[in-house]
Amino acid sequence: MLEIEGLETHFKTYDGVVRALDGVDLTVEDGEIFGLVGETGCGKSVTCYSVLKLLPGTAEVVKGSIRLNGEDITDASEERMRKIRGGKIGIIFQDPLSALNPVMTVNEQIGEILALHQDEELRELAADRNIPTYRSKNWSLSPGFEFTIMAVCFAFLALFTMLGQFAFGLPFLVMIGFFFLRDYLQRDLPDSALDLMVLDALSRVKMPDPRQVACSYPHELSGGMQQRVMIAMALAGRARMLIADEPTTALDVTIQAQILQLIKDIQKETGMSVLLITHDLGVVAETCERVAVMYAGRIVEQGPADEIFTNPRHEYTKSLLASIPKGGEERLKAPHTEEYGAI
């Protein structure tokens, strides 16, 4: 599914060039959950950002190859990458509130992905049910933009009323009345095909009350609900591979378990590949079939998860396993730390 060979990514800084990735070799098979584990700063996230070409301007892939389903995408154009992002590979970021657009509703954000990658399916659904494809309500703008207009109208109307110049506030009153009249006349219009597919995407991730969530802004949702929205967005384009970049970092333990189980259920249902990036060895043990251990920008060990946990070969892997809290007297003993070389 995904083959990475000799990948090197460098960052240009004021102190010189930082070799964030130093010859990464990685293969994710079709239909498997693959874990990429390592300490903070070892290059896990940079690996997936290099694959999707989401690196900042100071970073550059200087060497190596990236193949997706046999296609070399190392030097793919931005137009081609827009089709791959969401259409071929979906990604879940570790901080959903930062990744979601704060001034767009959930409906709008998932709808953008559907309109880009599922246009044909949207038109077929609209034709089958005889409903609009993208928008059921005419004369409607972005909810965030409409909210801003209404707020300005109310503010000026109140200002002119307080100043005793109500006549100057009449245009703003007319604008407010137009919005209310429009909503009243269009109250019984059916959902568009885009609205229905957004609701279906939210239902697939077991979102409670998907219709209410679709109309909400990210800050109105809990952390677990925000992460479910991110998963729905990653899957909306029918991607065949999912990159989960520490998807449970900002969540409490109970919600972590729910999100991980959701990812496993979706993977089993769709047969998609999952690249799970984490520093939590417990998550890897419960979720992944194969695992790679990364240290200082290189893969130092990889293999079946059971073999890595029971018979680690590299000293860094042994140190990671030794750092897992234990019961009894050993729980207070810290593992010996040193600089480990790659195999």
Protein backbone atom coordinates (compact mmCIF):
# COMPACT_ATOMS: atom_id res chain seq x y z
CA MET A 1 0.00 0.00 0.00
CA LEU A 2 2.63 2.54 1.12
CA GLU A 3 6.35 2.07 0.50
CA ILE A 4 8.96 4.51 1.81
CA GLU A 5 12.61 3.97 0.88
CA GLY A 6 15.61 5.98 2.03
CA LEU A 7 13.52 9.03 2.91
CA GLU A 8 15.54 12.03 4.09
CA THR A 9 13.88 15.28 5.17
CA HIS A 10 15.91 18.29 6.26
CA PHE A 11 14.90 21.47 8.07
CA LYS A 12 16.77 24.72 7.52
CA THR A 13 17.29 26.63 10.78
CA TYR A 14 19.38 29.58 11.94
CA ASP A 15 21.80 27.09 13.50
CA GLY A 16 22.16 25.04 10.33
CA VAL A 17 20.46 22.07 8.70
CA VAL A 18 18.58 19.58 10.89
CA ARG A 19 18.30 16.05 9.49
CA ALA A 20 14.81 15.25 10.78
CA LEU A 21 14.61 12.04 8.74
CA ASP A 22 17.83 10.22 7.98
CA GLY A 23 17.06 7.36 5.60
CA VAL A 24 13.65 6.03 6.68
CA ASP A 25 12.55 2.69 5.19
CA LEU A 26 8.94 1.72 5.85
CA THR A 27 6.29 -0.47 4.25
CA VAL A 28 2.61 -0.54 5.20
CA GLU A 29 0.77 -3.49 3.70
CA ASP A 30 -2.77 -3.35 2.38
CA GLY A 31 -5.38 -3.90 5.10
CA GLU A 32 -3.08 -3.87 8.14
CA ILE A 33 -2.73 -1.64 11.18
CA PHE A 34 0.93 -0.59 11.34
CA GLY A 35 2.36 1.17 14.37
CA LEU A 36 5.14 3.75 14.29
CA VAL A 37 6.46 4.33 17.80
CA GLY A 38 9.18 6.46 19.31
CA GLU A 39 9.88 9.34 21.65
CA THR A 40 8.80 12.92 21.03
CA GLY A 41 10.93 14.58 18.35
CA CYS A 42 12.22 11.39 16.75
CA GLY A 43 10.54 12.12 13.38
CA LYS A 44 7.26 10.20 13.49
CA SER A 45 5.00 13.07 12.48
CA VAL A 46 7.53 14.43 9.98
CA THR A 47 7.37 11.07 8.21
CA CYS A 48 3.64 11.33 7.55
CA TYR A 49 3.85 15.04 6.68
CA SER A 50 6.57 14.20 4.17
CA VAL A 51 4.32 11.59 2.57
CA LEU A 52 1.44 14.06 2.23
CA LYS A 53 3.66 17.06 1.38
CA LEU A 54 2.40 19.06 4.34
CA LEU A 55 5.84 20.22 5.42
CA PRO A 56 6.54 23.87 6.29
CA GLY A 57 8.54 26.07 3.95
CA THR A 58 11.76 25.48 5.89
CA ALA A 59 11.60 21.71 5.29
CA GLU A 60 12.50 19.73 2.20
CA VAL A 61 12.55 16.10 1.14
CA VAL A 62 16.10 15.79 -0.22
CA LYS A 63 16.31 12.07 -0.91
CA GLY A 64 14.31 8.85 -1.09
CA SER A 65 11.12 7.61 -2.71
CA ILE A 66 7.47 7.35 -1.68
CA ARG A 67 5.17 4.94 -3.49
CA LEU A 68 1.42 4.63 -2.99
CA ASN A 69 -0.23 1.59 -4.56
CA GLY A 70 2.72 1.35 -6.94
CA GLU A 71 2.55 5.04 -7.94
CA ASP A 72 5.63 7.14 -7.25
CA ILE A 73 4.36 10.29 -5.52
CA THR A 74 7.75 11.60 -4.39
CA ASP A 75 7.63 14.48 -6.86
CA ALA A 76 3.88 14.58 -7.40
CA SER A 77 2.37 17.95 -8.30
CA GLU A 78 0.23 19.91 -5.86
CA GLU A 79 -2.83 19.19 -8.01
CA ARG A 80 -2.20 15.47 -7.76
CA MET A 81 -1.55 15.69 -4.00
CA ARG A 82 -4.91 17.43 -3.47
CA LYS A 83 -6.56 14.36 -4.96
CA ILE A 84 -4.45 12.01 -2.84
CA ARG A 85 -5.11 13.87 0.42
CA GLY A 86 -8.53 12.71 1.51
CA GLY A 87 -9.17 10.67 -1.66
CA LYS A 88 -6.38 8.12 -1.18
CA ILE A 89 -4.95 8.91 2.25
CA GLY A 90 -6.90 10.39 5.16
CA ILE A 91 -5.18 11.86 8.19
CA ILE A 92 -6.20 12.39 11.81
CA PHE A 93 -4.20 15.08 13.59
CA GLN A 94 -3.32 14.84 17.26
CA ASP A 95 -5.01 18.15 18.19
CA PRO A 96 -8.44 18.24 16.51
CA LEU A 97 -9.37 21.72 17.76
CA SER A 98 -6.29 23.21 16.07
CA ALA A 99 -6.86 21.22 12.88
CA LEU A 100 -10.55 22.14 12.49
CA ASN A 101 -11.56 25.52 11.08
CA PRO A 102 -13.08 27.54 13.95
CA VAL A 103 -15.36 29.69 11.73
CA MET A 104 -16.90 26.85 9.71
CA THR A 105 -19.56 24.42 10.85
CA VAL A 106 -18.92 20.68 10.85
CA ASN A 107 -21.31 20.38 7.88
CA GLU A 108 -19.23 22.81 5.84
CA GLN A 109 -15.89 21.18 6.68
CA ILE A 110 -16.95 17.62 5.88
CA GLY A 111 -18.91 18.94 2.89
CA GLU A 112 -15.76 20.39 1.33
CA ILE A 113 -14.15 16.96 1.28
CA LEU A 114 -17.27 15.29 -0.12
CA ALA A 115 -17.60 17.90 -2.87
CA LEU A 116 -13.95 17.38 -3.84
CA HIS A 117 -13.73 13.59 -3.74
CA GLN A 118 -17.32 12.30 -3.98
CA ASP A 119 -18.88 14.61 -6.57
CA GLU A 120 -20.19 11.77 -8.74
CA GLU A 121 -21.78 9.97 -5.78
CA LEU A 122 -23.40 13.23 -4.66
CA ARG A 123 -24.99 13.77 -8.06
CA GLU A 124 -26.23 10.18 -8.22
CA LEU A 125 -27.84 10.49 -4.78
CA ALA A 126 -29.46 13.79 -5.74
CA ALA A 127 -30.86 12.28 -8.94
CA ASP A 128 -32.18 9.16 -7.18
CA ARG A 129 -34.01 11.15 -4.48
CA ASN A 130 -34.86 14.19 -6.61
CA ILE A 131 -33.22 16.61 -4.19
CA PRO A 132 -30.63 19.40 -4.63
CA THR A 133 -27.02 18.27 -4.88
CA TYR A 134 -25.18 20.79 -2.74
CA ARG A 135 -27.58 23.26 -1.15
CA SER A 136 -31.28 22.94 -0.41
CA LYS A 137 -31.74 26.56 0.69
CA ASN A 138 -31.42 29.41 -1.80
CA TRP A 139 -30.00 32.83 -0.90
CA SER A 140 -27.91 31.29 1.89
CA LEU A 141 -24.35 32.21 2.77
CA SER A 142 -21.80 30.64 5.07
CA PRO A 143 -23.29 30.36 8.60
CA GLY A 144 -20.29 32.18 10.01
CA PHE A 145 -20.66 35.02 7.50
CA GLU A 146 -24.40 35.26 8.13
CA PHE A 147 -23.80 35.36 11.89
CA THR A 148 -21.37 38.26 11.39
CA ILE A 149 -23.89 40.18 9.26
CA MET A 150 -26.66 39.66 11.83
CA ALA A 151 -24.41 40.76 14.69
CA VAL A 152 -23.44 43.95 12.85
CA CYS A 153 -27.08 44.69 11.98
CA PHE A 154 -28.23 44.26 15.60
CA ALA A 155 -25.34 46.40 16.86
CA PHE A 156 -26.08 49.33 14.54
CA LEU A 157 -29.83 49.03 15.08
CA ALA A 158 -29.31 49.24 18.84
CA LEU A 159 -26.85 52.14 18.45
CA PHE A 160 -29.17 54.30 16.30
CA THR A 161 -32.14 53.51 18.54
CA MET A 162 -30.20 54.68 21.61
CA LEU A 163 -29.24 57.88 19.77
CA GLY A 164 -32.86 58.56 18.86
CA GLN A 165 -32.13 58.17 15.12
CA PHE A 166 -34.27 55.11 14.48
CA ALA A 167 -34.67 56.02 10.80
CA PHE A 168 -30.97 55.38 10.20
CA GLY A 169 -31.43 51.90 11.68
CA LEU A 170 -34.26 50.92 9.32
CA PRO A 171 -31.95 49.41 6.63
CA PHE A 172 -30.41 47.14 9.27
CA LEU A 173 -33.90 46.18 10.50
CA VAL A 174 -34.89 45.30 6.93
CA MET A 175 -31.79 43.10 6.58
CA ILE A 176 -32.63 41.26 9.82
CA GLY A 177 -36.22 40.80 8.65
CA PHE A 178 -34.99 39.39 5.31
CA PHE A 179 -33.00 36.65 7.04
CA PHE A 180 -35.92 35.64 9.26
CA LEU A 181 -38.37 35.68 6.31
CA ARG A 182 -36.01 33.58 4.19
CA ASP A 183 -35.65 30.95 6.91
CA TYR A 184 -39.44 30.85 7.39
CA LEU A 185 -40.17 30.37 3.68
CA GLN A 186 -37.52 27.65 3.34
CA ARG A 187 -38.25 25.81 6.58
CA ASP A 188 -39.77 22.74 4.87
CA LEU A 189 -37.18 22.27 2.13
CA PRO A 190 -35.57 18.78 2.05
CA ASP A 191 -31.93 18.14 2.88
CA SER A 192 -29.51 18.27 -0.03
CA ALA A 193 -27.48 15.23 -1.10
CA LEU A 194 -24.44 16.85 0.50
CA ASP A 195 -26.28 17.25 3.83
CA LEU A 196 -27.35 13.60 3.77
CA MET A 197 -23.83 12.35 3.06
CA VAL A 198 -22.43 14.53 5.87
CA LEU A 199 -24.95 12.97 8.27
CA ASP A 200 -23.97 9.51 7.02
CA ALA A 201 -20.27 10.29 7.58
CA LEU A 202 -20.98 11.36 11.16
CA SER A 203 -23.15 8.29 11.76
CA ARG A 204 -20.31 6.01 10.59
CA VAL A 205 -18.12 7.28 13.43
CA LYS A 206 -20.98 6.69 15.91
CA MET A 207 -21.51 10.39 16.57
CA PRO A 208 -24.45 11.03 18.92
CA ASP A 209 -27.09 13.35 17.40
CA PRO A 210 -25.27 13.84 14.06
CA ARG A 211 -27.77 16.45 12.82
CA GLN A 212 -27.06 18.72 15.78
CA VAL A 213 -23.31 18.17 15.48
CA ALA A 214 -23.39 19.01 11.76
CA CYS A 215 -24.74 22.46 12.59
CA SER A 216 -22.18 23.05 15.35
CA TYR A 217 -18.82 24.81 15.35
CA PRO A 218 -15.71 22.93 16.61
CA HIS A 219 -15.51 24.85 19.90
CA GLU A 220 -19.04 23.71 20.75
CA LEU A 221 -17.96 20.06 20.81
CA SER A 222 -16.07 18.01 23.39
CA GLY A 223 -12.59 16.67 22.67
CA GLY A 224 -13.88 13.20 21.86
CA MET A 225 -16.53 14.59 19.51
CA GLN A 226 -13.95 16.78 17.79
CA GLN A 227 -11.77 13.73 17.18
CA ARG A 228 -14.75 11.82 15.79
CA VAL A 229 -15.34 14.72 13.40
CA MET A 230 -11.69 14.47 12.32
CA ILE A 231 -12.12 10.74 11.67
CA ALA A 232 -15.32 11.41 9.71
CA MET A 233 -13.44 13.95 7.58
CA ALA A 234 -10.57 11.51 7.02
CA LEU A 235 -13.00 8.82 5.84
CA ALA A 236 -15.40 11.06 3.89
CA GLY A 237 -13.35 10.79 0.71
CA ARG A 238 -13.38 6.96 0.84
CA ALA A 239 -9.62 6.86 1.43
CA ARG A 240 -7.93 3.47 1.33
CA MET A 241 -5.36 4.44 3.94
CA LEU A 242 -5.65 6.29 7.24
CA ILE A 243 -2.76 8.03 9.00
CA ALA A 244 -3.55 8.56 12.67
CA ASP A 245 -0.99 10.95 14.16
CA GLU A 246 -1.28 10.35 17.92
CA PRO A 247 -5.09 10.57 17.76
CA THR A 248 -5.62 10.07 21.51
CA THR A 249 -2.97 12.39 22.96
CA ALA A 250 -5.37 15.15 24.05
CA LEU A 251 -8.11 12.81 25.33
CA ASP A 252 -8.79 11.21 28.68
CA VAL A 253 -8.35 7.47 29.13
CA THR A 254 -12.01 6.52 28.64
CA ILE A 255 -12.34 8.51 25.41
CA GLN A 256 -8.98 7.17 24.21
CA ALA A 257 -10.31 3.63 24.39
CA GLN A 258 -13.45 4.62 22.47
CA ILE A 259 -11.50 6.34 19.68
CA LEU A 260 -9.04 3.44 19.31
CA GLN A 261 -11.89 0.92 19.21
CA LEU A 262 -13.64 3.07 16.61
CA ILE A 263 -10.52 3.08 14.41
CA LYS A 264 -10.23 -0.71 14.74
CA ASP A 265 -13.91 -1.21 13.90
CA ILE A 266 -13.70 1.02 10.82
CA GLN A 267 -10.51 -0.71 9.66
CA LYS A 268 -12.15 -4.11 10.03
CA GLU A 269 -15.30 -2.93 8.24
CA THR A 270 -13.59 -1.24 5.29
CA GLY A 271 -10.33 -3.22 5.06
CA MET A 272 -8.31 -0.02 4.84
CA SER A 273 -4.69 0.32 5.92
CA VAL A 274 -3.89 2.29 9.07
CA LEU A 275 -0.58 3.90 10.00
CA LEU A 276 -0.86 4.61 13.72
CA ILE A 277 1.74 7.06 15.03
CA THR A 278 2.11 7.04 18.80
CA HIS A 279 4.53 7.03 21.72
CA ASP A 280 2.21 4.82 23.79
CA LEU A 281 3.43 1.23 23.74
CA GLY A 282 0.19 0.05 25.34
CA VAL A 283 -1.77 1.38 22.36
CA VAL A 284 0.61 -0.39 19.98
CA ALA A 285 0.30 -3.71 21.83
CA GLU A 286 -3.52 -3.62 21.74
CA THR A 287 -4.00 -2.27 18.23
CA CYS A 288 -1.16 -2.94 15.79
CA GLU A 289 -0.18 -6.03 13.82
CA ARG A 290 3.30 -4.80 12.91
CA VAL A 291 5.36 -2.04 14.48
CA ALA A 292 8.43 0.04 13.65
CA VAL A 293 10.55 1.73 16.31
CA MET A 294 11.99 5.13 15.36
CA TYR A 295 14.93 6.90 16.98
CA ALA A 296 16.71 10.09 15.85
CA GLY A 297 15.12 10.08 12.40
CA ARG A 298 15.79 6.42 11.60
CA ILE A 299 13.91 3.14 11.89
CA VAL A 300 16.02 1.07 14.28
CA GLU A 301 13.78 -1.99 14.45
CA GLN A 302 10.55 -3.27 12.91
CA GLY A 303 8.58 -6.48 12.81
CA PRO A 304 5.44 -8.18 14.17
CA ALA A 305 4.18 -6.49 17.33
CA ASP A 306 4.36 -9.70 19.37
CA GLU A 307 7.98 -10.28 18.39
CA ILE A 308 9.02 -6.69 19.16
CA PHE A 309 7.48 -6.85 22.62
CA THR A 310 8.72 -10.32 23.55
CA ASN A 311 12.13 -10.34 21.87
CA PRO A 312 13.42 -6.80 21.19
CA ARG A 313 16.80 -6.67 19.47
CA HIS A 314 17.84 -3.02 19.52
CA GLU A 315 18.98 -1.42 22.76
CA TYR A 316 16.68 1.56 22.26
CA THR A 317 13.65 -0.74 21.92
CA LYS A 318 14.69 -2.51 25.11
CA SER A 319 14.93 0.85 26.86
CA LEU A 320 11.45 1.86 25.67
CA LEU A 321 9.97 -1.37 27.00
CA ALA A 322 11.87 -0.98 30.26
CA SER A 323 10.34 2.48 30.72
CA ILE A 324 6.82 1.06 31.02
CA PRO A 325 5.68 1.48 34.66
CA LYS A 326 5.71 -1.74 36.64
CA GLY A 327 4.31 -2.78 39.99
CA GLY A 328 6.33 -3.43 43.12
CA GLU A 329 9.81 -2.12 43.81
CA GLU A 330 10.75 -1.94 40.11
CA ARG A 331 8.26 0.84 39.45
CA LEU A 332 10.68 3.43 40.91
CA LYS A 333 13.65 2.33 38.82
CA ALA A 334 14.37 4.45 35.75
CA PRO A 335 15.99 2.72 32.75
CA HIS A 336 19.56 3.61 31.90
CA THR A 337 19.61 6.22 29.11
CA GLU A 338 22.32 6.73 26.53
CA GLU A 339 22.77 7.56 22.89
CA TYR A 340 21.81 4.60 20.75
CA GLY A 341 23.16 4.04 17.29
CA ALA A 342 21.02 2.64 14.51
CA ILE A 343 21.33 -0.94 13.41
